[in-house]
Protein backbone atom coordinates (compact mmCIF):
# COMPACT_ATOMS: atom_id res chain seq x y z
CA UNK A 1 72.14 -26.64 2.82
CA UNK A 2 69.18 -29.01 3.08
CA UNK A 3 68.29 -27.38 6.35
CA UNK A 4 68.43 -23.97 4.67
CA UNK A 5 66.13 -25.18 1.89
CA UNK A 6 63.73 -26.64 4.46
CA UNK A 7 63.65 -23.33 6.34
CA UNK A 8 62.97 -21.47 3.11
CA UNK A 9 60.24 -23.98 2.28
CA UNK A 10 58.68 -23.50 5.72
CA UNK A 11 58.85 -19.71 5.32
CA UNK A 12 57.30 -19.95 1.87
CA UNK A 13 54.58 -22.26 3.24
CA UNK A 14 53.85 -19.80 6.05
CA UNK A 15 53.69 -16.96 3.53
CA UNK A 16 51.40 -19.01 1.29
CA UNK A 17 49.09 -19.86 4.19
CA UNK A 18 49.10 -16.23 5.28
CA UNK A 19 48.36 -15.12 1.71
CA UNK A 20 45.54 -17.66 1.41
CA UNK A 21 44.05 -16.48 4.72
CA UNK A 22 44.37 -12.88 3.56
CA UNK A 23 42.73 -13.80 0.22
CA UNK A 24 39.89 -15.54 2.06
CA UNK A 25 39.35 -12.50 4.28
CA UNK A 26 39.35 -10.22 1.24
CA UNK A 27 36.83 -12.47 -0.52
CA UNK A 28 34.58 -12.39 2.54
CA UNK A 29 34.92 -8.62 2.79
CA UNK A 30 34.18 -8.31 -0.93
CA UNK A 31 31.05 -10.46 -0.54
CA UNK A 32 29.93 -8.34 2.41
CA UNK A 33 30.51 -5.15 0.43
CA UNK A 34 28.55 -6.57 -2.50
CA UNK A 35 25.60 -7.31 -0.19
CA UNK A 36 25.82 -3.80 1.29
CA UNK A 37 25.94 -2.30 -2.19
CA UNK A 38 22.85 -4.24 -3.19
CA UNK A 39 21.06 -3.10 -0.02
CA UNK A 40 22.05 0.53 -0.64
CA UNK A 41 20.80 0.32 -4.22
CA UNK A 42 17.50 -1.11 -3.02
CA UNK A 43 17.21 1.57 -0.36
CA UNK A 44 18.06 4.26 -2.91
CA UNK A 45 15.34 3.02 -5.26
CA UNK A 46 12.86 2.92 -2.37
CA UNK A 47 13.75 6.49 -1.42
CA UNK A 48 13.35 7.64 -5.00
CA UNK A 49 9.96 6.00 -5.33
CA UNK A 50 9.02 7.42 -1.94
CA UNK A 51 10.05 10.86 -3.15
CA UNK A 52 7.82 10.42 -6.18
CA UNK A 53 4.99 9.35 -3.90
CA UNK A 54 5.60 12.39 -1.70
CA UNK A 55 5.44 14.67 -4.72
CA UNK A 56 2.17 13.02 -5.74
CA UNK A 57 0.75 13.63 -2.24
CA UNK A 58 1.88 17.27 -2.35
CA UNK A 59 0.23 17.71 -5.76
CA UNK A 60 -2.96 16.07 -4.50
CA UNK A 61 -3.00 18.35 -1.44
CA UNK A 62 -2.41 21.40 -3.64
CA UNK A 63 -5.29 20.38 -5.91
CA UNK A 64 -7.56 19.92 -2.90
CA UNK A 65 -6.53 23.31 -1.50
CA UNK A 66 -7.23 24.90 -4.90
CA UNK A 67 -10.70 23.34 -5.03
CA UNK A 68 -11.44 24.58 -1.50
CA UNK A 69 -10.20 28.05 -2.38
CA UNK A 70 -12.40 28.18 -5.48
CA UNK A 71 -15.39 27.09 -3.38
CA UNK A 72 -14.67 29.85 -0.84
CA UNK A 73 -14.38 32.41 -3.65
CA UNK A 74 -17.71 31.32 -5.13
CA UNK A 75 -19.43 31.46 -1.74
CA UNK A 76 -17.84 34.84 -1.01
CA UNK A 77 -19.15 36.27 -4.27
CA UNK A 78 -22.62 34.97 -3.43
CA UNK A 79 -22.44 36.51 0.05
CA UNK A 80 -21.22 39.82 -1.37
CA UNK A 81 -24.13 39.86 -3.84
CA UNK A 82 -26.54 39.19 -0.98
CA UNK A 83 -24.97 42.00 1.07
CA UNK A 84 -25.23 44.44 -1.83
CA UNK A 85 -28.84 43.41 -2.45
CA UNK A 86 -29.61 43.83 1.26
CA UNK A 87 -27.93 47.24 1.30
CA UNK A 88 -30.00 48.29 -1.73
CA UNK A 89 -33.16 47.09 0.02
CA UNK A 90 -32.22 49.05 3.14
CA UNK A 91 -31.56 52.12 1.02
CA UNK A 92 -35.02 51.73 -0.54
CA UNK A 93 -36.61 51.46 2.92
CA UNK A 94 -34.67 54.54 4.06
CA UNK A 95 -35.87 56.46 0.99
CA UNK A 96 -39.45 55.36 1.65
CA UNK A 97 -39.18 56.48 5.26
CA UNK A 98 -37.93 59.86 4.10
CA UNK A 99 -40.85 60.09 1.69
CA UNK A 100 -43.35 59.17 4.41
CA UNK A 101 -41.92 61.90 6.59
CA UNK A 102 -42.38 64.42 3.74
CA UNK A 103 -45.87 63.14 2.99
CA UNK A 104 -46.88 63.54 6.63
CA UNK A 105 -45.45 67.09 6.63
CA UNK A 106 -47.46 67.98 3.54
CA UNK A 107 -50.61 66.47 5.05
CA UNK A 108 -50.19 68.47 8.27
CA UNK A 109 -49.67 71.69 6.30
CA UNK A 110 -52.64 70.97 4.11
CA UNK A 111 -55.14 70.82 7.02
């Protein structure tokens, strides 16, 4: 009977040691998971702030593109006004040339 109790005690000791080892492993795994969780949270925050920064860069680029577009529109309007003015000047020269041709016809008939 004593031998039976000793065997049970040895089995219980082995189970206790095994349970303690298992508990130690679980504690280590838990600590590792806690560190990973902290790293993932930090990475997540960095990605979110990076996303905000990216949106700020996109907005800045859009503003710059808008300013460039407005400058092009202003310059285009100026160029169009110059073209219209030049066309009007050419029309005036063409009208004058027509008049000179008529004046020279009248002068030749008048001789």
